[in-house]
Amino acid sequence: KEDTGLFFFKGNPGERFAICNAGGAFAYVGAMQDSFPHALELSKQG
């Protein structure tokens, strides 16, 4: 559980939230292609 956690891409205060989950065949977490980009773009839209 040391290798878990949430990276937060903050939008507008009080706005709804989304959780983005990267793939990797349940063998690893490919966040740099499959969740970080999505979270960053969502935050840009508030």
All heavy atoms as atom14 arrays in JSON, in Angstrom:
{
  "sequence": "KEDTGLFFFKGNPGERFAICNAGGAFAYVGAMQDSFPHALELSKQG",
  "atom14_mask": [
    [1, 1, 1, 1, 1, 1, 1, 1, 1, 0, 0, 0, 0, 0],
    [1, 1, 1, 1, 1, 1, 1, 1, 1, 0, 0, 0, 0, 0],
    [1, 1, 1, 1, 1, 1, 1, 1, 0, 0, 0, 0, 0, 0],
    [1, 1, 1, 1, 1, 1, 1, 0, 0, 0, 0, 0, 0, 0],
    [1, 1, 1, 1, 0, 0, 0, 0, 0, 0, 0, 0, 0, 0],
    [1, 1, 1, 1, 1, 1, 1, 1, 0, 0, 0, 0, 0, 0],
    [1, 1, 1, 1, 1, 1, 1, 1, 1, 1, 1, 0, 0, 0],
    [1, 1, 1, 1, 1, 1, 1, 1, 1, 1, 1, 0, 0, 0],
    [1, 1, 1, 1, 1, 1, 1, 1, 1, 1, 1, 0, 0, 0],
    [1, 1, 1, 1, 1, 1, 1, 1, 1, 0, 0, 0, 0, 0],
    [1, 1, 1, 1, 0, 0, 0, 0, 0, 0, 0, 0, 0, 0],
    [1, 1, 1, 1, 1, 1, 1, 1, 0, 0, 0, 0, 0, 0],
    [1, 1, 1, 1, 1, 1, 1, 0, 0, 0, 0, 0, 0, 0],
    [1, 1, 1, 1, 0, 0, 0, 0, 0, 0, 0, 0, 0, 0],
    [1, 1, 1, 1, 1, 1, 1, 1, 1, 0, 0, 0, 0, 0],
    [1, 1, 1, 1, 1, 1, 1, 1, 1, 1, 1, 0, 0, 0],
    [1, 1, 1, 1, 1, 1, 1, 1, 1, 1, 1, 0, 0, 0],
    [1, 1, 1, 1, 1, 0, 0, 0, 0, 0, 0, 0, 0, 0],
    [1, 1, 1, 1, 1, 1, 1, 1, 0, 0, 0, 0, 0, 0],
    [1, 1, 1, 1, 1, 1, 0, 0, 0, 0, 0, 0, 0, 0],
    [1, 1, 1, 1, 1, 1, 1, 1, 0, 0, 0, 0, 0, 0],
    [1, 1, 1, 1, 1, 0, 0, 0, 0, 0, 0, 0, 0, 0],
    [1, 1, 1, 1, 0, 0, 0, 0, 0, 0, 0, 0, 0, 0],
    [1, 1, 1, 1, 0, 0, 0, 0, 0, 0, 0, 0, 0, 0],
    [1, 1, 1, 1, 1, 0, 0, 0, 0, 0, 0, 0, 0, 0],
    [1, 1, 1, 1, 1, 1, 1, 1, 1, 1, 1, 0, 0, 0],
    [1, 1, 1, 1, 1, 0, 0, 0, 0, 0, 0, 0, 0, 0],
    [1, 1, 1, 1, 1, 1, 1, 1, 1, 1, 1, 1, 0, 0],
    [1, 1, 1, 1, 1, 1, 1, 0, 0, 0, 0, 0, 0, 0],
    [1, 1, 1, 1, 0, 0, 0, 0, 0, 0, 0, 0, 0, 0],
    [1, 1, 1, 1, 1, 0, 0, 0, 0, 0, 0, 0, 0, 0],
    [1, 1, 1, 1, 1, 1, 1, 1, 0, 0, 0, 0, 0, 0],
    [1, 1, 1, 1, 1, 1, 1, 1, 1, 0, 0, 0, 0, 0],
    [1, 1, 1, 1, 1, 1, 1, 1, 0, 0, 0, 0, 0, 0],
    [1, 1, 1, 1, 1, 1, 0, 0, 0, 0, 0, 0, 0, 0],
    [1, 1, 1, 1, 1, 1, 1, 1, 1, 1, 1, 0, 0, 0],
    [1, 1, 1, 1, 1, 1, 1, 0, 0, 0, 0, 0, 0, 0],
    [1, 1, 1, 1, 1, 1, 1, 1, 1, 1, 0, 0, 0, 0],
    [1, 1, 1, 1, 1, 0, 0, 0, 0, 0, 0, 0, 0, 0],
    [1, 1, 1, 1, 1, 1, 1, 1, 0, 0, 0, 0, 0, 0],
    [1, 1, 1, 1, 1, 1, 1, 1, 1, 0, 0, 0, 0, 0],
    [1, 1, 1, 1, 1, 1, 1, 1, 0, 0, 0, 0, 0, 0],
    [1, 1, 1, 1, 1, 1, 0, 0, 0, 0, 0, 0, 0, 0],
    [1, 1, 1, 1, 1, 1, 1, 1, 1, 0, 0, 0, 0, 0],
    [1, 1, 1, 1, 1, 1, 1, 1, 1, 0, 0, 0, 0, 0],
    [1, 1, 1, 1, 0, 0, 0, 0, 0, 0, 0, 0, 0, 0]
  ],
  "atom14_positions": [
    [[0.82, -1.21, 0.0], [0.0, 0.0, 0.0], [0.86, 1.27, 0.0], [0.33, 2.37, -0.18], [-0.95, -0.01, 1.19], [-2.05, -1.07, 1.06], [-2.97, -1.09, 2.27], [-4.07, -2.14, 2.08], [-4.94, -2.26, 3.28], [0.0, 0.0, 0.0], [0.0, 0.0, 0.0], [0.0, 0.0, 0.0], [0.0, 0.0, 0.0], [0.0, 0.0, 0.0]],
    [[2.17, 1.12, 0.18], [3.07, 2.27, 0.04], [3.02, 2.83, -1.38], [3.23, 4.02, -1.6], [4.51, 1.85, 0.35], [4.78, 1.52, 1.81], [5.06, 2.75, 2.64], [5.04, 3.86, 2.08], [5.3, 2.59, 3.85], [0.0, 0.0, 0.0], [0.0, 0.0, 0.0], [0.0, 0.0, 0.0], [0.0, 0.0, 0.0], [0.0, 0.0, 0.0]],
    [[2.74, 1.94, -2.34], [2.76, 2.33, -3.75], [1.36, 2.69, -4.25], [0.95, 2.31, -5.36], [3.35, 1.2, -4.6], [4.8, 0.93, -4.24], [5.49, 1.85, -3.78], [5.25, -0.22, -4.43], [0.0, 0.0, 0.0], [0.0, 0.0, 0.0], [0.0, 0.0, 0.0], [0.0, 0.0, 0.0], [0.0, 0.0, 0.0], [0.0, 0.0, 0.0]],
    [[0.61, 3.42, -3.45], [-0.73, 3.86, -3.82], [-0.89, 5.33, -3.48], [-0.1, 5.9, -2.71], [-1.82, 3.07, -3.08], [-1.74, 3.37, -1.66], [-1.65, 1.56, -3.26], [0.0, 0.0, 0.0], [0.0, 0.0, 0.0], [0.0, 0.0, 0.0], [0.0, 0.0, 0.0], [0.0, 0.0, 0.0], [0.0, 0.0, 0.0], [0.0, 0.0, 0.0]],
    [[-1.89, 5.95, -4.05], [-2.21, 7.32, -3.71], [-2.91, 8.05, -4.83], [-3.13, 7.5, -5.92], [0.0, 0.0, 0.0], [0.0, 0.0, 0.0], [0.0, 0.0, 0.0], [0.0, 0.0, 0.0], [0.0, 0.0, 0.0], [0.0, 0.0, 0.0], [0.0, 0.0, 0.0], [0.0, 0.0, 0.0], [0.0, 0.0, 0.0], [0.0, 0.0, 0.0]],
    [[-3.29, 9.29, -4.57], [-4.02, 10.1, -5.53], [-3.2, 11.34, -5.9], [-2.83, 12.13, -5.03], [-5.35, 10.56, -4.94], [-6.47, 9.53, -4.84], [-7.6, 10.07, -3.98], [-7.0, 9.15, -6.22], [0.0, 0.0, 0.0], [0.0, 0.0, 0.0], [0.0, 0.0, 0.0], [0.0, 0.0, 0.0], [0.0, 0.0, 0.0], [0.0, 0.0, 0.0]],
    [[-2.93, 11.5, -7.19], [-2.38, 12.76, -7.68], [-3.57, 13.67, -8.0], [-4.52, 13.25, -8.68], [-1.53, 12.53, -8.92], [-0.15, 12.01, -8.61], [0.11, 10.65, -8.59], [0.89, 12.89, -8.32], [1.38, 10.17, -8.29], [2.16, 12.43, -8.02], [2.4, 11.06, -8.0], [0.0, 0.0, 0.0], [0.0, 0.0, 0.0], [0.0, 0.0, 0.0]],
    [[-3.5, 14.89, -7.51], [-4.63, 15.82, -7.61], [-4.32, 16.92, -8.61], [-3.34, 17.65, -8.48], [-4.91, 16.41, -6.24], [-6.15, 17.26, -6.15], [-7.2, 17.12, -7.05], [-6.28, 18.2, -5.15], [-8.35, 17.9, -6.96], [-7.42, 18.99, -5.04], [-8.46, 18.84, -5.95], [0.0, 0.0, 0.0], [0.0, 0.0, 0.0], [0.0, 0.0, 0.0]],
    [[-5.2, 17.04, -9.62], [-5.14, 18.12, -10.6], [-6.34, 19.01, -10.31], [-7.46, 18.72, -10.74], [-5.17, 17.56, -12.02], [-3.98, 16.71, -12.37], [-3.85, 15.42, -11.88], [-2.97, 17.21, -13.2], [-2.75, 14.63, -12.2], [-1.87, 16.43, -13.52], [-1.76, 15.13, -13.03], [0.0, 0.0, 0.0], [0.0, 0.0, 0.0], [0.0, 0.0, 0.0]],
    [[-6.09, 20.08, -9.57], [-7.19, 20.87, -9.02], [-7.85, 21.75, -10.06], [-7.18, 22.4, -10.86], [-6.67, 21.74, -7.87], [-7.77, 22.4, -7.05], [-7.19, 23.09, -5.83], [-8.27, 23.72, -4.97], [-9.24, 22.73, -4.46], [0.0, 0.0, 0.0], [0.0, 0.0, 0.0], [0.0, 0.0, 0.0], [0.0, 0.0, 0.0], [0.0, 0.0, 0.0]],
    [[-9.17, 21.76, -10.03], [-9.96, 22.62, -10.89], [-10.54, 23.77, -10.08], [-9.89, 24.3, -9.18], [0.0, 0.0, 0.0], [0.0, 0.0, 0.0], [0.0, 0.0, 0.0], [0.0, 0.0, 0.0], [0.0, 0.0, 0.0], [0.0, 0.0, 0.0], [0.0, 0.0, 0.0], [0.0, 0.0, 0.0], [0.0, 0.0, 0.0], [0.0, 0.0, 0.0]],
    [[-11.76, 24.15, -10.39], [-12.41, 25.24, -9.67], [-12.91, 24.76, -8.31], [-13.49, 23.67, -8.21], [-13.59, 25.78, -10.48], [-13.15, 26.4, -11.79], [-12.04, 26.91, -11.91], [-14.02, 26.34, -12.79], [0.0, 0.0, 0.0], [0.0, 0.0, 0.0], [0.0, 0.0, 0.0], [0.0, 0.0, 0.0], [0.0, 0.0, 0.0], [0.0, 0.0, 0.0]],
    [[-12.72, 25.54, -7.26], [-13.24, 25.16, -5.95], [-14.75, 24.92, -6.01], [-15.5, 25.71, -6.59], [-12.91, 26.37, -5.07], [-11.75, 27.01, -5.75], [-11.97, 26.82, -7.21], [0.0, 0.0, 0.0], [0.0, 0.0, 0.0], [0.0, 0.0, 0.0], [0.0, 0.0, 0.0], [0.0, 0.0, 0.0], [0.0, 0.0, 0.0], [0.0, 0.0, 0.0]],
    [[-15.18, 23.79, -5.44], [-16.6, 23.47, -5.41], [-17.12, 22.76, -6.64], [-18.3, 22.39, -6.7], [0.0, 0.0, 0.0], [0.0, 0.0, 0.0], [0.0, 0.0, 0.0], [0.0, 0.0, 0.0], [0.0, 0.0, 0.0], [0.0, 0.0, 0.0], [0.0, 0.0, 0.0], [0.0, 0.0, 0.0], [0.0, 0.0, 0.0], [0.0, 0.0, 0.0]],
    [[-16.25, 22.54, -7.64], [-16.68, 21.82, -8.84], [-16.65, 20.31, -8.58], [-16.03, 19.83, -7.64], [-15.75, 22.19, -10.01], [-16.13, 21.58, -11.35], [-17.55, 21.88, -11.79], [-17.78, 22.93, -12.42], [-18.44, 21.05, -11.45], [0.0, 0.0, 0.0], [0.0, 0.0, 0.0], [0.0, 0.0, 0.0], [0.0, 0.0, 0.0], [0.0, 0.0, 0.0]],
    [[-17.37, 19.56, -9.42], [-17.42, 18.11, -9.29], [-16.06, 17.49, -9.57], [-15.18, 18.14, -10.12], [-18.48, 17.54, -10.22], [-19.9, 17.9, -9.8], [-20.94, 17.42, -10.8], [-22.28, 17.6, -10.28], [-22.96, 18.74, -10.3], [-22.4, 19.81, -10.85], [-24.17, 18.82, -9.79], [0.0, 0.0, 0.0], [0.0, 0.0, 0.0], [0.0, 0.0, 0.0]],
    [[-15.92, 16.2, -9.22], [-14.63, 15.56, -9.4], [-14.74, 14.32, -10.27], [-15.81, 13.72, -10.43], [-13.99, 15.2, -8.05], [-14.59, 14.0, -7.34], [-14.15, 12.71, -7.63], [-15.57, 14.16, -6.38], [-14.66, 11.61, -6.97], [-16.11, 13.07, -5.71], [-15.65, 11.78, -6.01], [0.0, 0.0, 0.0], [0.0, 0.0, 0.0], [0.0, 0.0, 0.0]],
    [[-13.6, 13.94, -10.83], [-13.47, 12.72, -11.6], [-12.23, 11.98, -11.1], [-11.25, 12.61, -10.71], [-13.31, 13.04, -13.09], [0.0, 0.0, 0.0], [0.0, 0.0, 0.0], [0.0, 0.0, 0.0], [0.0, 0.0, 0.0], [0.0, 0.0, 0.0], [0.0, 0.0, 0.0], [0.0, 0.0, 0.0], [0.0, 0.0, 0.0], [0.0, 0.0, 0.0]],
    [[-12.29, 10.66, -11.12], [-11.11, 9.85, -10.81], [-10.71, 9.13, -12.09], [-11.52, 8.41, -12.69], [-11.37, 8.82, -9.71], [-11.85, 9.51, -8.43], [-10.1, 8.01, -9.43], [-12.16, 8.55, -7.3], [0.0, 0.0, 0.0], [0.0, 0.0, 0.0], [0.0, 0.0, 0.0], [0.0, 0.0, 0.0], [0.0, 0.0, 0.0], [0.0, 0.0, 0.0]],
    [[-9.47, 9.3, -12.51], [-8.95, 8.69, -13.73], [-8.06, 7.5, -13.36], [-7.17, 7.63, -12.51], [-8.15, 9.71, -14.55], [-9.11, 11.17, -15.01], [0.0, 0.0, 0.0], [0.0, 0.0, 0.0], [0.0, 0.0, 0.0], [0.0, 0.0, 0.0], [0.0, 0.0, 0.0], [0.0, 0.0, 0.0], [0.0, 0.0, 0.0], [0.0, 0.0, 0.0]],
    [[-8.29, 6.37, -14.01], [-7.6, 5.13, -13.69], [-6.85, 4.61, -14.91], [-7.47, 4.26, -15.92], [-8.61, 4.08, -13.22], [-9.43, 4.57, -12.05], [-8.99, 4.55, -10.92], [-10.65, 5.05, -12.33], [0.0, 0.0, 0.0], [0.0, 0.0, 0.0], [0.0, 0.0, 0.0], [0.0, 0.0, 0.0], [0.0, 0.0, 0.0], [0.0, 0.0, 0.0]],
    [[-5.55, 4.56, -14.82], [-4.73, 4.09, -15.94], [-4.8, 2.58, -16.06], [-5.09, 1.87, -15.1], [-3.29, 4.53, -15.75], [0.0, 0.0, 0.0], [0.0, 0.0, 0.0], [0.0, 0.0, 0.0], [0.0, 0.0, 0.0], [0.0, 0.0, 0.0], [0.0, 0.0, 0.0], [0.0, 0.0, 0.0], [0.0, 0.0, 0.0], [0.0, 0.0, 0.0]],
    [[-4.49, 2.1, -17.26], [-4.39, 0.66, -17.49], [-2.98, 0.16, -17.27], [-2.13, 0.84, -16.72], [0.0, 0.0, 0.0], [0.0, 0.0, 0.0], [0.0, 0.0, 0.0], [0.0, 0.0, 0.0], [0.0, 0.0, 0.0], [0.0, 0.0, 0.0], [0.0, 0.0, 0.0], [0.0, 0.0, 0.0], [0.0, 0.0, 0.0], [0.0, 0.0, 0.0]],
    [[-2.76, -1.06, -17.75], [-1.48, -1.72, -17.58], [-1.66, -3.19, -17.29], [-0.8, -3.83, -16.7], [0.0, 0.0, 0.0], [0.0, 0.0, 0.0], [0.0, 0.0, 0.0], [0.0, 0.0, 0.0], [0.0, 0.0, 0.0], [0.0, 0.0, 0.0], [0.0, 0.0, 0.0], [0.0, 0.0, 0.0], [0.0, 0.0, 0.0], [0.0, 0.0, 0.0]],
    [[-2.81, -3.75, -17.72], [-3.12, -5.18, -17.58], [-3.09, -5.64, -16.12], [-2.84, -6.81, -15.85], [-2.17, -6.03, -18.43], [0.0, 0.0, 0.0], [0.0, 0.0, 0.0], [0.0, 0.0, 0.0], [0.0, 0.0, 0.0], [0.0, 0.0, 0.0], [0.0, 0.0, 0.0], [0.0, 0.0, 0.0], [0.0, 0.0, 0.0], [0.0, 0.0, 0.0]],
    [[-3.33, -4.73, -15.19], [-3.27, -5.03, -13.76], [-1.89, -5.51, -13.34], [-1.73, -6.16, -12.29], [-4.34, -6.05, -13.35], [-5.74, -5.51, -13.46], [-6.65, -6.08, -14.32], [-6.13, -4.42, -12.7], [-7.94, -5.58, -14.43], [-7.42, -3.91, -12.8], [-8.32, -4.49, -13.66], [0.0, 0.0, 0.0], [0.0, 0.0, 0.0], [0.0, 0.0, 0.0]],
    [[-0.88, -5.21, -14.16], [0.5, -5.54, -13.83], [1.28, -4.3, -13.42], [2.22, -4.38, -12.64], [1.18, -6.21, -15.02], [0.0, 0.0, 0.0], [0.0, 0.0, 0.0], [0.0, 0.0, 0.0], [0.0, 0.0, 0.0], [0.0, 0.0, 0.0], [0.0, 0.0, 0.0], [0.0, 0.0, 0.0], [0.0, 0.0, 0.0], [0.0, 0.0, 0.0]],
    [[0.9, -3.15, -13.97], [1.52, -1.88, -13.61], [0.53, -0.77, -13.92], [-0.55, -1.01, -14.47], [2.84, -1.68, -14.36], [2.7, -1.13, -15.78], [2.98, 0.2, -16.06], [2.28, -1.95, -16.83], [2.87, 0.7, -17.35], [2.16, -1.46, -18.12], [2.45, -0.13, -18.38], [2.33, 0.37, -19.64], [0.0, 0.0, 0.0], [0.0, 0.0, 0.0]],
    [[0.88, 0.46, -13.55], [-0.01, 1.61, -13.74], [0.62, 2.57, -14.75], [1.62, 3.23, -14.46], [-0.25, 2.34, -12.4], [-1.23, 3.51, -12.6], [-0.8, 1.38, -11.35], [0.0, 0.0, 0.0], [0.0, 0.0, 0.0], [0.0, 0.0, 0.0], [0.0, 0.0, 0.0], [0.0, 0.0, 0.0], [0.0, 0.0, 0.0], [0.0, 0.0, 0.0]],
    [[0.03, 2.65, -15.95], [0.55, 3.5, -17.02], [0.0, 4.9, -16.96], [-0.57, 5.4, -17.94], [0.0, 0.0, 0.0], [0.0, 0.0, 0.0], [0.0, 0.0, 0.0], [0.0, 0.0, 0.0], [0.0, 0.0, 0.0], [0.0, 0.0, 0.0], [0.0, 0.0, 0.0], [0.0, 0.0, 0.0], [0.0, 0.0, 0.0], [0.0, 0.0, 0.0]],
    [[0.19, 5.57, -15.84], [-0.47, 6.85, -15.6], [-0.06, 7.95, -16.56], [-0.88, 8.81, -16.91], [-0.21, 7.31, -14.16], [0.0, 0.0, 0.0], [0.0, 0.0, 0.0], [0.0, 0.0, 0.0], [0.0, 0.0, 0.0], [0.0, 0.0, 0.0], [0.0, 0.0, 0.0], [0.0, 0.0, 0.0], [0.0, 0.0, 0.0], [0.0, 0.0, 0.0]],
    [[1.2, 7.95, -17.01], [1.66, 9.06, -17.84], [0.97, 9.13, -19.2], [0.95, 10.17, -19.84], [3.18, 8.97, -18.03], [3.81, 10.22, -18.6], [3.45, 11.75, -17.67], [4.53, 11.54, -16.25], [0.0, 0.0, 0.0], [0.0, 0.0, 0.0], [0.0, 0.0, 0.0], [0.0, 0.0, 0.0], [0.0, 0.0, 0.0], [0.0, 0.0, 0.0]],
    [[0.35, 8.04, -19.62], [-0.41, 8.05, -20.87], [-1.91, 7.93, -20.64], [-2.69, 8.42, -21.44], [0.06, 6.91, -21.79], [-0.79, 6.65, -23.02], [-0.65, 7.72, -24.1], [-0.12, 8.79, -23.86], [-1.11, 7.43, -25.3], [0.0, 0.0, 0.0], [0.0, 0.0, 0.0], [0.0, 0.0, 0.0], [0.0, 0.0, 0.0], [0.0, 0.0, 0.0]],
    [[-2.29, 7.32, -19.53], [-3.67, 6.84, -19.41], [-4.48, 7.44, -18.28], [-5.64, 7.09, -18.11], [-3.64, 5.31, -19.25], [-4.68, 4.61, -20.09], [-5.25, 5.25, -21.0], [-4.93, 3.42, -19.85], [0.0, 0.0, 0.0], [0.0, 0.0, 0.0], [0.0, 0.0, 0.0], [0.0, 0.0, 0.0], [0.0, 0.0, 0.0], [0.0, 0.0, 0.0]],
    [[-3.89, 8.32, -17.47], [-4.7, 9.01, -16.45], [-4.21, 10.43, -16.19], [-5.03, 11.34, -16.06], [-4.73, 8.21, -15.14], [-3.43, 8.05, -14.6], [0.0, 0.0, 0.0], [0.0, 0.0, 0.0], [0.0, 0.0, 0.0], [0.0, 0.0, 0.0], [0.0, 0.0, 0.0], [0.0, 0.0, 0.0], [0.0, 0.0, 0.0], [0.0, 0.0, 0.0]],
    [[-2.9, 10.66, -16.12], [-2.4, 12.03, -15.92], [-2.85, 12.98, -17.03], [-3.31, 14.09, -16.73], [-0.87, 12.04, -15.85], [-0.28, 11.42, -14.6], [1.04, 11.01, -14.58], [-1.04, 11.24, -13.45], [1.6, 10.46, -13.43], [-0.5, 10.68, -12.3], [0.83, 10.28, -12.3], [0.0, 0.0, 0.0], [0.0, 0.0, 0.0], [0.0, 0.0, 0.0]],
    [[-2.75, 12.6, -18.31], [-3.2, 13.54, -19.35], [-4.67, 13.89, -19.24], [-5.07, 15.04, -19.43], [-2.9, 12.78, -20.66], [-1.85, 11.78, -20.3], [-2.17, 11.37, -18.91], [0.0, 0.0, 0.0], [0.0, 0.0, 0.0], [0.0, 0.0, 0.0], [0.0, 0.0, 0.0], [0.0, 0.0, 0.0], [0.0, 0.0, 0.0], [0.0, 0.0, 0.0]],
    [[-5.49, 12.89, -18.93], [-6.93, 13.11, -18.81], [-7.23, 14.04, -17.63], [-8.04, 14.97, -17.73], [-7.64, 11.78, -18.6], [-7.35, 10.75, -19.64], [-6.08, 10.25, -19.85], [-8.14, 10.1, -20.53], [-6.1, 9.36, -20.83], [-7.34, 9.26, -21.26], [0.0, 0.0, 0.0], [0.0, 0.0, 0.0], [0.0, 0.0, 0.0], [0.0, 0.0, 0.0]],
    [[-6.56, 13.77, -16.5], [-6.8, 14.58, -15.31], [-6.37, 16.03, -15.54], [-7.05, 16.97, -15.13], [-6.04, 13.98, -14.12], [0.0, 0.0, 0.0], [0.0, 0.0, 0.0], [0.0, 0.0, 0.0], [0.0, 0.0, 0.0], [0.0, 0.0, 0.0], [0.0, 0.0, 0.0], [0.0, 0.0, 0.0], [0.0, 0.0, 0.0], [0.0, 0.0, 0.0]],
    [[-5.24, 16.22, -16.22], [-4.78, 17.58, -16.5], [-5.77, 18.33, -17.39], [-6.11, 19.49, -17.13], [-3.4, 17.55, -17.16], [-2.8, 18.91, -17.53], [-2.7, 19.82, -16.32], [-1.44, 18.73, -18.19], [0.0, 0.0, 0.0], [0.0, 0.0, 0.0], [0.0, 0.0, 0.0], [0.0, 0.0, 0.0], [0.0, 0.0, 0.0], [0.0, 0.0, 0.0]],
    [[-6.26, 17.67, -18.43], [-7.21, 18.31, -19.33], [-8.52, 18.62, -18.62], [-9.14, 19.68, -18.84], [-7.46, 17.43, -20.55], [-6.28, 17.34, -21.5], [-5.8, 18.71, -21.97], [-6.65, 19.52, -22.4], [-4.6, 18.99, -21.88], [0.0, 0.0, 0.0], [0.0, 0.0, 0.0], [0.0, 0.0, 0.0], [0.0, 0.0, 0.0], [0.0, 0.0, 0.0]],
    [[-8.98, 17.71, -17.78], [-10.21, 17.96, -17.01], [-10.04, 19.16, -16.09], [-10.95, 20.0, -15.96], [-10.58, 16.72, -16.2], [-11.19, 15.56, -17.0], [-11.16, 14.27, -16.18], [-12.62, 15.88, -17.41], [0.0, 0.0, 0.0], [0.0, 0.0, 0.0], [0.0, 0.0, 0.0], [0.0, 0.0, 0.0], [0.0, 0.0, 0.0], [0.0, 0.0, 0.0]],
    [[-8.88, 19.28, -15.46], [-8.65, 20.41, -14.55], [-8.62, 21.73, -15.32], [-9.06, 22.76, -14.81], [-7.34, 20.21, -13.79], [-6.2, 20.37, -14.62], [0.0, 0.0, 0.0], [0.0, 0.0, 0.0], [0.0, 0.0, 0.0], [0.0, 0.0, 0.0], [0.0, 0.0, 0.0], [0.0, 0.0, 0.0], [0.0, 0.0, 0.0], [0.0, 0.0, 0.0]],
    [[-8.11, 21.7, -16.55], [-8.09, 22.91, -17.36], [-9.51, 23.4, -17.66], [-9.73, 24.6, -17.88], [-7.35, 22.66, -18.67], [-5.85, 22.49, -18.54], [-5.22, 22.2, -19.89], [-3.72, 22.04, -19.8], [-3.11, 21.71, -21.13], [0.0, 0.0, 0.0], [0.0, 0.0, 0.0], [0.0, 0.0, 0.0], [0.0, 0.0, 0.0], [0.0, 0.0, 0.0]],
    [[-10.45, 22.47, -17.67], [-11.85, 22.84, -17.92], [-12.62, 23.08, -16.63], [-13.85, 23.18, -16.64], [-12.52, 21.77, -18.77], [-11.87, 21.62, -20.14], [-12.76, 20.9, -21.14], [-13.98, 21.05, -21.12], [-12.15, 20.13, -22.04], [0.0, 0.0, 0.0], [0.0, 0.0, 0.0], [0.0, 0.0, 0.0], [0.0, 0.0, 0.0], [0.0, 0.0, 0.0]],
    [[-11.9, 23.14, -15.51], [-12.52, 23.51, -14.24], [-12.88, 22.37, -13.33], [-13.25, 22.6, -12.17], [0.0, 0.0, 0.0], [0.0, 0.0, 0.0], [0.0, 0.0, 0.0], [0.0, 0.0, 0.0], [0.0, 0.0, 0.0], [0.0, 0.0, 0.0], [0.0, 0.0, 0.0], [0.0, 0.0, 0.0], [0.0, 0.0, 0.0], [0.0, 0.0, 0.0]]
  ]
}
